[in-house]
Amino acid sequence: MELLFTDLNENIYTDIYPWMKEYGYIGTLAISPKSFPGQKDCLSMKQFKELINAGWQCCLKWDESSDINEWLFTFFIFFID
């Protein structure tokens, strides 16, 4: 089983991750312009990277409220850094 998280609230790391780790589950983090690691009320970059290093996945969530080309550029720059 894998869970998809569309809101990157810090509670994913502090409350959900320890439980999922204990039972061997991983999650997928949906990154969007409104929910991006390092933003206010979101996972920190350090927390996000720890989850990815623990086997979690990430995906792009585009909600049509932003320009897709600008969003893709930002997304790819994020992963190059």
N, C-alpha and C. Protein backbone atom coordinates (compact mmCIF):
# COMPACT_ATOMS: atom_id res chain seq x y z
N MET A 1 0.84 -1.16 0.00
CA MET A 1 0.00 0.00 0.00
C MET A 1 0.89 1.24 0.00
N GLU A 2 0.49 2.22 -0.75
CA GLU A 2 1.19 3.50 -0.79
C GLU A 2 0.15 4.60 -0.70
N LEU A 3 0.44 5.63 0.08
CA LEU A 3 -0.48 6.74 0.26
C LEU A 3 0.01 7.97 -0.48
N LEU A 4 -0.92 8.74 -1.05
CA LEU A 4 -0.62 9.98 -1.75
C LEU A 4 -0.97 11.16 -0.85
N PHE A 5 -0.02 12.05 -0.67
CA PHE A 5 -0.24 13.24 0.15
C PHE A 5 -0.21 14.46 -0.76
N THR A 6 -1.34 15.15 -0.88
CA THR A 6 -1.44 16.29 -1.78
C THR A 6 -1.22 17.62 -1.06
N ASP A 7 -1.14 17.59 0.23
CA ASP A 7 -0.85 18.78 1.04
C ASP A 7 0.42 18.47 1.81
N LEU A 8 1.48 19.22 1.57
CA LEU A 8 2.78 18.90 2.18
C LEU A 8 2.95 19.52 3.56
N ASN A 9 1.92 19.41 4.37
CA ASN A 9 1.96 19.91 5.73
C ASN A 9 3.05 19.20 6.53
N GLU A 10 3.66 19.91 7.46
CA GLU A 10 4.74 19.35 8.27
C GLU A 10 4.31 18.12 9.07
N ASN A 11 3.02 17.97 9.31
CA ASN A 11 2.52 16.81 10.06
C ASN A 11 2.81 15.50 9.36
N ILE A 12 3.02 15.54 8.06
CA ILE A 12 3.41 14.32 7.35
C ILE A 12 4.70 13.78 7.94
N TYR A 13 5.63 14.67 8.19
CA TYR A 13 6.93 14.27 8.72
C TYR A 13 6.87 13.95 10.21
N THR A 14 6.19 14.81 10.98
CA THR A 14 6.22 14.65 12.44
C THR A 14 5.28 13.57 12.96
N ASP A 15 4.14 13.37 12.30
CA ASP A 15 3.15 12.43 12.82
C ASP A 15 3.00 11.16 11.96
N ILE A 16 2.96 11.32 10.66
CA ILE A 16 2.65 10.20 9.78
C ILE A 16 3.89 9.37 9.42
N TYR A 17 4.99 10.04 9.10
CA TYR A 17 6.21 9.34 8.69
C TYR A 17 6.69 8.31 9.72
N PRO A 18 6.76 8.65 11.01
CA PRO A 18 7.23 7.63 11.97
C PRO A 18 6.35 6.38 11.98
N TRP A 19 5.06 6.57 11.90
CA TRP A 19 4.14 5.42 11.89
C TRP A 19 4.34 4.59 10.62
N MET A 20 4.40 5.26 9.47
CA MET A 20 4.55 4.54 8.21
C MET A 20 5.89 3.82 8.15
N LYS A 21 6.92 4.45 8.67
CA LYS A 21 8.26 3.83 8.70
C LYS A 21 8.23 2.57 9.55
N GLU A 22 7.56 2.64 10.69
CA GLU A 22 7.47 1.49 11.59
C GLU A 22 6.83 0.28 10.90
N TYR A 23 5.85 0.51 10.05
CA TYR A 23 5.12 -0.58 9.40
C TYR A 23 5.59 -0.85 7.96
N GLY A 24 6.64 -0.15 7.54
CA GLY A 24 7.22 -0.42 6.23
C GLY A 24 6.49 0.18 5.04
N TYR A 25 5.70 1.21 5.27
CA TYR A 25 4.98 1.86 4.19
C TYR A 25 5.75 3.07 3.66
N ILE A 26 5.49 3.41 2.41
CA ILE A 26 6.03 4.65 1.85
C ILE A 26 4.87 5.48 1.34
N GLY A 27 5.17 6.74 1.05
CA GLY A 27 4.15 7.63 0.55
C GLY A 27 4.64 8.34 -0.70
N THR A 28 3.71 9.01 -1.34
CA THR A 28 4.03 9.86 -2.47
C THR A 28 3.62 11.28 -2.12
N LEU A 29 4.53 12.21 -2.33
CA LEU A 29 4.30 13.61 -2.02
C LEU A 29 3.98 14.36 -3.31
N ALA A 30 2.82 14.98 -3.39
CA ALA A 30 2.41 15.73 -4.58
C ALA A 30 2.84 17.19 -4.41
N ILE A 31 3.76 17.61 -5.26
CA ILE A 31 4.28 18.97 -5.20
C ILE A 31 3.45 19.85 -6.14
N SER A 32 3.01 20.98 -5.63
CA SER A 32 2.22 21.92 -6.43
C SER A 32 2.70 23.33 -6.14
N PRO A 33 2.29 24.30 -6.95
CA PRO A 33 2.69 25.68 -6.66
C PRO A 33 2.23 26.15 -5.28
N LYS A 34 1.14 25.58 -4.79
CA LYS A 34 0.61 25.98 -3.48
C LYS A 34 1.17 25.14 -2.34
N SER A 35 1.83 24.06 -2.66
CA SER A 35 2.36 23.15 -1.64
C SER A 35 3.72 22.65 -2.11
N PHE A 36 4.74 23.43 -1.78
CA PHE A 36 6.10 23.19 -2.27
C PHE A 36 7.05 23.14 -1.08
N PRO A 37 7.93 22.17 -0.99
CA PRO A 37 8.85 22.08 0.15
C PRO A 37 9.59 23.39 0.39
N GLY A 38 9.65 23.79 1.64
CA GLY A 38 10.33 25.02 2.01
C GLY A 38 9.41 26.21 2.15
N GLN A 39 8.18 26.10 1.65
CA GLN A 39 7.22 27.19 1.81
C GLN A 39 6.66 27.18 3.23
N LYS A 40 6.10 28.31 3.62
CA LYS A 40 5.46 28.42 4.93
C LYS A 40 4.37 27.35 5.06
N ASP A 41 4.31 26.72 6.21
CA ASP A 41 3.33 25.68 6.54
C ASP A 41 3.48 24.41 5.72
N CYS A 42 4.65 24.21 5.10
CA CYS A 42 4.93 22.98 4.34
C CYS A 42 6.15 22.29 4.95
N LEU A 43 6.41 21.08 4.47
CA LEU A 43 7.63 20.39 4.86
C LEU A 43 8.84 21.28 4.57
N SER A 44 9.84 21.19 5.40
CA SER A 44 11.10 21.89 5.10
C SER A 44 11.83 21.09 4.02
N MET A 45 12.80 21.72 3.40
CA MET A 45 13.60 21.01 2.40
C MET A 45 14.30 19.80 3.03
N LYS A 46 14.78 19.97 4.26
CA LYS A 46 15.47 18.88 4.95
C LYS A 46 14.52 17.70 5.18
N GLN A 47 13.32 17.99 5.63
CA GLN A 47 12.33 16.94 5.87
C GLN A 47 11.95 16.25 4.55
N PHE A 48 11.73 17.04 3.52
CA PHE A 48 11.37 16.49 2.21
C PHE A 48 12.47 15.55 1.71
N LYS A 49 13.71 15.99 1.78
CA LYS A 49 14.83 15.17 1.29
C LYS A 49 14.98 13.89 2.11
N GLU A 50 14.71 13.97 3.41
CA GLU A 50 14.79 12.76 4.23
C GLU A 50 13.73 11.74 3.80
N LEU A 51 12.53 12.21 3.51
CA LEU A 51 11.48 11.30 3.06
C LEU A 51 11.86 10.67 1.72
N ILE A 52 12.37 11.47 0.81
CA ILE A 52 12.77 10.93 -0.51
C ILE A 52 13.89 9.91 -0.34
N ASN A 53 14.86 10.22 0.52
CA ASN A 53 15.96 9.28 0.77
C ASN A 53 15.49 7.99 1.45
N ALA A 54 14.33 8.06 2.11
CA ALA A 54 13.77 6.87 2.77
C ALA A 54 12.90 6.05 1.81
N GLY A 55 12.88 6.44 0.54
CA GLY A 55 12.14 5.67 -0.44
C GLY A 55 10.81 6.24 -0.87
N TRP A 56 10.44 7.38 -0.28
CA TRP A 56 9.19 8.02 -0.69
C TRP A 56 9.35 8.56 -2.10
N GLN A 57 8.23 8.71 -2.78
CA GLN A 57 8.19 9.24 -4.14
C GLN A 57 7.62 10.65 -4.13
N CYS A 58 7.80 11.34 -5.24
CA CYS A 58 7.13 12.62 -5.39
C CYS A 58 6.56 12.70 -6.79
N CYS A 59 5.55 13.52 -6.94
CA CYS A 59 4.94 13.73 -8.24
C CYS A 59 4.52 15.19 -8.36
N LEU A 60 4.23 15.58 -9.55
CA LEU A 60 3.82 16.95 -9.85
C LEU A 60 2.30 17.03 -9.85
N LYS A 61 1.79 18.00 -9.14
CA LYS A 61 0.35 18.24 -9.13
C LYS A 61 0.12 19.64 -9.70
N TRP A 62 -0.42 19.69 -10.89
CA TRP A 62 -0.72 20.97 -11.52
C TRP A 62 -2.21 21.17 -11.49
N ASP A 63 -2.65 22.30 -10.95
CA ASP A 63 -4.08 22.53 -10.77
C ASP A 63 -4.66 23.58 -11.73
N GLU A 64 -3.94 23.88 -12.77
CA GLU A 64 -4.37 24.81 -13.81
C GLU A 64 -4.48 26.27 -13.33
N SER A 65 -4.12 26.55 -12.09
CA SER A 65 -4.17 27.93 -11.61
C SER A 65 -2.89 28.69 -11.94
N SER A 66 -1.89 27.99 -12.45
CA SER A 66 -0.64 28.64 -12.81
C SER A 66 -0.24 28.22 -14.23
N ASP A 67 0.66 28.98 -14.80
CA ASP A 67 1.14 28.68 -16.14
C ASP A 67 1.95 27.39 -16.11
N ILE A 68 1.58 26.41 -16.92
CA ILE A 68 2.22 25.09 -16.88
C ILE A 68 3.71 25.18 -17.23
N ASN A 69 4.08 26.01 -18.18
CA ASN A 69 5.49 26.12 -18.55
C ASN A 69 6.33 26.69 -17.41
N GLU A 70 5.82 27.73 -16.76
CA GLU A 70 6.52 28.31 -15.62
C GLU A 70 6.64 27.30 -14.47
N TRP A 71 5.56 26.58 -14.24
CA TRP A 71 5.54 25.59 -13.16
C TRP A 71 6.53 24.46 -13.44
N LEU A 72 6.55 23.95 -14.65
CA LEU A 72 7.49 22.88 -14.99
C LEU A 72 8.94 23.36 -14.87
N PHE A 73 9.21 24.58 -15.28
CA PHE A 73 10.56 25.14 -15.15
C PHE A 73 10.96 25.18 -13.68
N THR A 74 10.08 25.69 -12.83
CA THR A 74 10.36 25.76 -11.39
C THR A 74 10.58 24.37 -10.81
N PHE A 75 9.75 23.42 -11.21
CA PHE A 75 9.84 22.04 -10.73
C PHE A 75 11.17 21.42 -11.08
N PHE A 76 11.61 21.57 -12.33
CA PHE A 76 12.87 20.96 -12.75
C PHE A 76 14.07 21.65 -12.13
N ILE A 77 14.03 22.96 -11.96
CA ILE A 77 15.11 23.69 -11.28
C ILE A 77 15.22 23.20 -9.84
N PHE A 78 14.10 22.92 -9.21
CA PHE A 78 14.09 22.42 -7.85
C PHE A 78 14.88 21.12 -7.73
N PHE A 79 14.72 20.22 -8.69
CA PHE A 79 15.39 18.92 -8.62
C PHE A 79 16.83 18.96 -9.10
N ILE A 80 17.19 19.97 -9.86
CA ILE A 80 18.60 20.10 -10.27
C ILE A 80 19.42 20.60 -9.11
N ASP A 81 18.85 21.43 -8.27
CA ASP A 81 19.55 22.01 -7.13
C ASP A 81 19.76 20.99 -6.10
